[in-house]
Amino acid sequence: MIYQDVVTCVVSLAVILLVSPLIGVILGLFAGAMSRFTSRITLVEPVIVFVFGCMSFLSSEMFHLSGILSYVEFDLVVFLLEHCVGTVIAVSNCCMIANSDDSLVHCLRLLR
């Protein structure tokens, strides 16, 4: 009986550690692709990063996975796309939005 609980916990941890970052990476790549096509409209780009960051966190939480891991991977993908590929232009302006986004998400979780 104890071995079954240990195996269940290990499998659950593995699913959380693999699927949560995967959600963040997929949404980060999608946000990078969308911001690439909105390079002429600079006001839309921070909104894309803000909305997809929230979607990353909330979609992971909806499936009872780690929203923080998903959000961190989302930020890493957007950062790498901006610095290595150059698709995301206004990420430096989005740093303040991302910090306020993180605070807003945690405040909304407290209200739930």
N, C-alpha and C. Protein backbone atom coordinates (compact mmCIF):
# COMPACT_ATOMS: atom_id res chain seq x y z
N MET A 1 0.81 -1.18 0.00
CA MET A 1 0.00 0.00 0.00
C MET A 1 0.86 1.26 0.00
N ILE A 2 1.94 1.26 0.76
CA ILE A 2 2.82 2.42 0.83
C ILE A 2 3.54 2.61 -0.51
N TYR A 3 3.93 1.51 -1.13
CA TYR A 3 4.63 1.61 -2.42
C TYR A 3 3.74 2.21 -3.49
N GLN A 4 2.47 1.91 -3.44
CA GLN A 4 1.53 2.46 -4.41
C GLN A 4 1.40 3.98 -4.22
N ASP A 5 1.39 4.44 -2.99
CA ASP A 5 1.34 5.88 -2.72
C ASP A 5 2.60 6.58 -3.18
N VAL A 6 3.75 5.94 -2.96
CA VAL A 6 5.02 6.54 -3.39
C VAL A 6 5.07 6.64 -4.91
N VAL A 7 4.66 5.60 -5.59
CA VAL A 7 4.66 5.61 -7.06
C VAL A 7 3.70 6.66 -7.58
N THR A 8 2.54 6.78 -6.96
CA THR A 8 1.57 7.80 -7.36
C THR A 8 2.13 9.20 -7.18
N CYS A 9 2.81 9.44 -6.08
CA CYS A 9 3.41 10.75 -5.83
C CYS A 9 4.51 11.06 -6.82
N VAL A 10 5.34 10.10 -7.14
CA VAL A 10 6.44 10.31 -8.09
C VAL A 10 5.89 10.60 -9.49
N VAL A 11 4.87 9.84 -9.90
CA VAL A 11 4.27 10.07 -11.22
C VAL A 11 3.59 11.44 -11.26
N SER A 12 2.91 11.81 -10.21
CA SER A 12 2.25 13.11 -10.15
C SER A 12 3.27 14.25 -10.22
N LEU A 13 4.37 14.11 -9.51
CA LEU A 13 5.42 15.13 -9.55
C LEU A 13 6.04 15.23 -10.94
N ALA A 14 6.25 14.09 -11.58
CA ALA A 14 6.82 14.10 -12.93
C ALA A 14 5.89 14.78 -13.92
N VAL A 15 4.59 14.53 -13.80
CA VAL A 15 3.63 15.17 -14.70
C VAL A 15 3.62 16.68 -14.48
N ILE A 16 3.64 17.10 -13.23
CA ILE A 16 3.65 18.54 -12.94
C ILE A 16 4.91 19.20 -13.46
N LEU A 17 6.06 18.56 -13.26
CA LEU A 17 7.33 19.16 -13.68
C LEU A 17 7.53 19.16 -15.19
N LEU A 18 6.83 18.29 -15.91
CA LEU A 18 6.98 18.24 -17.37
C LEU A 18 5.90 19.02 -18.11
N VAL A 19 4.67 18.96 -17.64
CA VAL A 19 3.57 19.57 -18.39
C VAL A 19 3.46 21.07 -18.12
N SER A 20 3.70 21.51 -16.90
CA SER A 20 3.59 22.94 -16.58
C SER A 20 4.54 23.80 -17.42
N PRO A 21 5.82 23.47 -17.49
CA PRO A 21 6.69 24.27 -18.36
C PRO A 21 6.33 24.15 -19.84
N LEU A 22 5.80 22.99 -20.23
CA LEU A 22 5.40 22.81 -21.63
C LEU A 22 4.28 23.78 -22.01
N ILE A 23 3.34 23.99 -21.12
CA ILE A 23 2.27 24.96 -21.38
C ILE A 23 2.86 26.36 -21.52
N GLY A 24 3.79 26.72 -20.64
CA GLY A 24 4.43 28.03 -20.73
C GLY A 24 5.23 28.21 -22.00
N VAL A 25 5.93 27.17 -22.43
CA VAL A 25 6.73 27.26 -23.66
C VAL A 25 5.83 27.41 -24.87
N ILE A 26 4.75 26.64 -24.92
CA ILE A 26 3.84 26.72 -26.08
C ILE A 26 3.21 28.11 -26.16
N LEU A 27 2.72 28.62 -25.04
CA LEU A 27 2.10 29.94 -25.07
C LEU A 27 3.14 31.03 -25.30
N GLY A 28 4.37 30.84 -24.82
CA GLY A 28 5.44 31.81 -25.09
C GLY A 28 5.80 31.87 -26.55
N LEU A 29 5.88 30.71 -27.20
CA LEU A 29 6.16 30.69 -28.63
C LEU A 29 5.02 31.31 -29.43
N PHE A 30 3.81 31.05 -29.00
CA PHE A 30 2.66 31.63 -29.68
C PHE A 30 2.63 33.15 -29.51
N ALA A 31 2.95 33.63 -28.31
CA ALA A 31 3.00 35.08 -28.08
C ALA A 31 4.13 35.71 -28.88
N GLY A 32 5.27 35.03 -28.99
CA GLY A 32 6.37 35.55 -29.80
C GLY A 32 6.02 35.62 -31.27
N ALA A 33 5.29 34.61 -31.76
CA ALA A 33 4.86 34.63 -33.15
C ALA A 33 3.85 35.74 -33.40
N MET A 34 2.94 35.95 -32.46
CA MET A 34 1.97 37.02 -32.64
C MET A 34 2.62 38.39 -32.56
N SER A 35 3.57 38.57 -31.67
CA SER A 35 4.22 39.88 -31.55
C SER A 35 5.13 40.17 -32.74
N ARG A 36 5.55 39.13 -33.44
CA ARG A 36 6.36 39.34 -34.63
C ARG A 36 5.55 40.03 -35.72
N PHE A 37 4.29 39.69 -35.81
CA PHE A 37 3.44 40.27 -36.84
C PHE A 37 2.83 41.61 -36.42
N THR A 38 3.03 42.00 -35.17
CA THR A 38 2.51 43.29 -34.71
C THR A 38 3.65 44.25 -34.41
N SER A 39 4.75 44.14 -35.13
CA SER A 39 5.91 44.98 -34.84
C SER A 39 5.65 46.44 -35.19
N ARG A 40 4.73 46.71 -36.12
CA ARG A 40 4.43 48.10 -36.47
C ARG A 40 3.47 48.74 -35.47
N ILE A 41 2.74 47.94 -34.73
CA ILE A 41 1.80 48.46 -33.73
C ILE A 41 2.39 48.17 -32.36
N THR A 42 3.13 49.11 -31.83
CA THR A 42 3.88 48.84 -30.59
C THR A 42 2.98 48.81 -29.36
N LEU A 43 1.77 49.34 -29.44
CA LEU A 43 0.89 49.31 -28.27
C LEU A 43 0.28 47.93 -28.04
N VAL A 44 0.20 47.13 -29.06
CA VAL A 44 -0.42 45.82 -28.93
C VAL A 44 0.54 44.80 -28.32
N GLU A 45 1.81 44.99 -28.55
CA GLU A 45 2.80 44.00 -28.12
C GLU A 45 2.85 43.79 -26.60
N PRO A 46 2.85 44.84 -25.78
CA PRO A 46 2.81 44.59 -24.33
C PRO A 46 1.51 43.92 -23.88
N VAL A 47 0.43 44.22 -24.58
CA VAL A 47 -0.84 43.58 -24.23
C VAL A 47 -0.78 42.09 -24.54
N ILE A 48 -0.12 41.73 -25.64
CA ILE A 48 0.03 40.32 -25.99
C ILE A 48 0.82 39.59 -24.91
N VAL A 49 1.91 40.18 -24.47
CA VAL A 49 2.73 39.55 -23.43
C VAL A 49 1.96 39.45 -22.12
N PHE A 50 1.22 40.49 -21.79
CA PHE A 50 0.43 40.51 -20.56
C PHE A 50 -0.66 39.44 -20.60
N VAL A 51 -1.41 39.37 -21.69
CA VAL A 51 -2.53 38.43 -21.79
C VAL A 51 -2.03 36.98 -21.84
N PHE A 52 -1.00 36.72 -22.63
CA PHE A 52 -0.51 35.35 -22.72
C PHE A 52 0.19 34.91 -21.45
N GLY A 53 0.79 35.84 -20.71
CA GLY A 53 1.35 35.49 -19.40
C GLY A 53 0.26 35.06 -18.43
N CYS A 54 -0.84 35.80 -18.43
CA CYS A 54 -1.98 35.41 -17.59
C CYS A 54 -2.57 34.09 -18.05
N MET A 55 -2.66 33.90 -19.38
CA MET A 55 -3.20 32.64 -19.90
C MET A 55 -2.32 31.46 -19.52
N SER A 56 -1.02 31.67 -19.53
CA SER A 56 -0.09 30.61 -19.16
C SER A 56 -0.31 30.19 -17.70
N PHE A 57 -0.37 31.17 -16.84
CA PHE A 57 -0.55 30.89 -15.42
C PHE A 57 -1.91 30.24 -15.15
N LEU A 58 -2.95 30.84 -15.70
CA LEU A 58 -4.30 30.37 -15.39
C LEU A 58 -4.62 29.02 -16.04
N SER A 59 -4.07 28.77 -17.23
CA SER A 59 -4.33 27.46 -17.84
C SER A 59 -3.64 26.34 -17.07
N SER A 60 -2.47 26.60 -16.54
CA SER A 60 -1.82 25.59 -15.71
C SER A 60 -2.58 25.37 -14.41
N GLU A 61 -3.04 26.45 -13.81
CA GLU A 61 -3.81 26.31 -12.58
C GLU A 61 -5.15 25.62 -12.82
N MET A 62 -5.71 25.80 -14.01
CA MET A 62 -6.99 25.16 -14.33
C MET A 62 -6.85 23.64 -14.35
N PHE A 63 -5.70 23.15 -14.78
CA PHE A 63 -5.46 21.71 -14.80
C PHE A 63 -4.77 21.22 -13.53
N HIS A 64 -4.74 22.05 -12.50
CA HIS A 64 -4.14 21.74 -11.20
C HIS A 64 -2.65 21.40 -11.33
N LEU A 65 -1.98 22.17 -12.18
CA LEU A 65 -0.54 22.06 -12.33
C LEU A 65 0.10 23.29 -11.71
N SER A 66 1.41 23.41 -11.83
CA SER A 66 2.10 24.54 -11.24
C SER A 66 2.05 25.74 -12.18
N GLY A 67 1.28 26.75 -11.79
CA GLY A 67 1.18 27.96 -12.58
C GLY A 67 2.46 28.77 -12.57
N ILE A 68 3.19 28.71 -11.47
CA ILE A 68 4.44 29.46 -11.36
C ILE A 68 5.47 28.92 -12.35
N LEU A 69 5.59 27.60 -12.45
CA LEU A 69 6.53 27.02 -13.42
C LEU A 69 6.15 27.41 -14.84
N SER A 70 4.88 27.38 -15.13
CA SER A 70 4.41 27.74 -16.46
C SER A 70 4.71 29.20 -16.77
N TYR A 71 4.48 30.07 -15.81
CA TYR A 71 4.73 31.50 -15.99
C TYR A 71 6.22 31.80 -16.15
N VAL A 72 7.05 31.11 -15.39
CA VAL A 72 8.51 31.30 -15.50
C VAL A 72 9.00 30.86 -16.87
N GLU A 73 8.53 29.72 -17.34
CA GLU A 73 8.92 29.26 -18.68
C GLU A 73 8.41 30.20 -19.77
N PHE A 74 7.23 30.74 -19.59
CA PHE A 74 6.70 31.72 -20.54
C PHE A 74 7.62 32.93 -20.61
N ASP A 75 8.00 33.46 -19.45
CA ASP A 75 8.90 34.62 -19.43
C ASP A 75 10.25 34.29 -20.05
N LEU A 76 10.78 33.09 -19.81
CA LEU A 76 12.06 32.71 -20.40
C LEU A 76 11.98 32.63 -21.92
N VAL A 77 10.89 32.07 -22.43
CA VAL A 77 10.74 31.96 -23.88
C VAL A 77 10.63 33.34 -24.51
N VAL A 78 9.85 34.22 -23.91
CA VAL A 78 9.71 35.58 -24.45
C VAL A 78 11.05 36.31 -24.38
N PHE A 79 11.78 36.14 -23.29
CA PHE A 79 13.09 36.77 -23.15
C PHE A 79 14.07 36.26 -24.21
N LEU A 80 14.09 34.94 -24.41
CA LEU A 80 14.99 34.36 -25.41
C LEU A 80 14.60 34.77 -26.82
N LEU A 81 13.32 34.85 -27.10
CA LEU A 81 12.89 35.30 -28.42
C LEU A 81 13.31 36.74 -28.68
N GLU A 82 13.27 37.55 -27.64
CA GLU A 82 13.65 38.96 -27.82
C GLU A 82 15.15 39.12 -28.01
N HIS A 83 15.94 38.40 -27.22
CA HIS A 83 17.39 38.61 -27.25
C HIS A 83 18.11 37.79 -28.30
N CYS A 84 17.63 36.60 -28.60
CA CYS A 84 18.32 35.73 -29.56
C CYS A 84 17.78 35.87 -30.97
N VAL A 85 16.47 35.94 -31.11
CA VAL A 85 15.86 35.96 -32.43
C VAL A 85 15.46 37.37 -32.82
N GLY A 86 15.06 38.17 -31.84
CA GLY A 86 14.67 39.54 -32.11
C GLY A 86 13.24 39.69 -32.58
N THR A 87 12.36 38.73 -32.24
CA THR A 87 10.98 38.84 -32.70
C THR A 87 10.14 39.73 -31.80
N VAL A 88 10.42 39.71 -30.52
CA VAL A 88 9.65 40.53 -29.59
C VAL A 88 10.40 41.83 -29.41
N ILE A 89 9.77 42.93 -29.69
CA ILE A 89 10.46 44.22 -29.70
C ILE A 89 10.34 44.95 -28.37
N ALA A 90 9.17 44.99 -27.80
CA ALA A 90 8.92 45.84 -26.64
C ALA A 90 9.00 45.08 -25.32
N VAL A 91 9.88 44.09 -25.24
CA VAL A 91 9.96 43.31 -24.00
C VAL A 91 10.54 44.15 -22.87
N SER A 92 11.44 45.07 -23.17
CA SER A 92 11.99 45.91 -22.11
C SER A 92 10.90 46.75 -21.47
N ASN A 93 9.93 47.19 -22.26
CA ASN A 93 8.80 47.91 -21.70
C ASN A 93 7.85 46.98 -20.96
N CYS A 94 7.87 45.71 -21.33
CA CYS A 94 6.95 44.74 -20.72
C CYS A 94 7.44 44.24 -19.38
N CYS A 95 8.68 44.55 -18.99
CA CYS A 95 9.18 44.05 -17.71
C CYS A 95 8.34 44.61 -16.56
N MET A 96 8.01 45.90 -16.63
CA MET A 96 7.16 46.47 -15.58
C MET A 96 5.77 45.87 -15.63
N ILE A 97 5.25 45.63 -16.83
CA ILE A 97 3.93 45.03 -16.96
C ILE A 97 3.95 43.61 -16.43
N ALA A 98 5.02 42.87 -16.70
CA ALA A 98 5.10 41.49 -16.23
C ALA A 98 5.14 41.44 -14.71
N ASN A 99 5.85 42.37 -14.08
CA ASN A 99 5.89 42.40 -12.62
C ASN A 99 4.52 42.72 -12.04
N SER A 100 3.83 43.69 -12.64
CA SER A 100 2.49 44.01 -12.16
C SER A 100 1.52 42.88 -12.49
N ASP A 101 1.76 42.20 -13.61
CA ASP A 101 0.94 41.05 -13.98
C ASP A 101 1.07 39.95 -12.93
N ASP A 102 2.28 39.68 -12.49
CA ASP A 102 2.51 38.66 -11.48
C ASP A 102 1.80 39.03 -10.18
N SER A 103 1.89 40.29 -9.78
CA SER A 103 1.23 40.74 -8.55
C SER A 103 -0.27 40.64 -8.68
N LEU A 104 -0.79 41.01 -9.86
CA LEU A 104 -2.23 40.96 -10.09
C LEU A 104 -2.75 39.52 -10.02
N VAL A 105 -2.01 38.60 -10.61
CA VAL A 105 -2.44 37.20 -10.60
C VAL A 105 -2.46 36.66 -9.17
N HIS A 106 -1.46 37.01 -8.37
CA HIS A 106 -1.44 36.52 -6.99
C HIS A 106 -2.54 37.15 -6.16
N CYS A 107 -2.86 38.41 -6.41
CA CYS A 107 -3.98 39.04 -5.69
C CYS A 107 -5.30 38.40 -6.06
N LEU A 108 -5.46 38.08 -7.34
CA LEU A 108 -6.70 37.42 -7.76
C LEU A 108 -6.81 36.03 -7.18
N ARG A 109 -5.69 35.35 -7.00
CA ARG A 109 -5.73 34.02 -6.38
C ARG A 109 -6.15 34.11 -4.92
N LEU A 110 -5.76 35.20 -4.24
CA LEU A 110 -6.14 35.35 -2.85
C LEU A 110 -7.65 35.59 -2.71
N LEU A 111 -8.23 36.24 -3.71
CA LEU A 111 -9.67 36.50 -3.65
C LEU A 111 -10.49 35.25 -3.92
N ARG A 112 -9.89 34.29 -4.57
CA ARG A 112 -10.61 33.06 -4.93
C ARG A 112 -10.86 32.24 -3.75
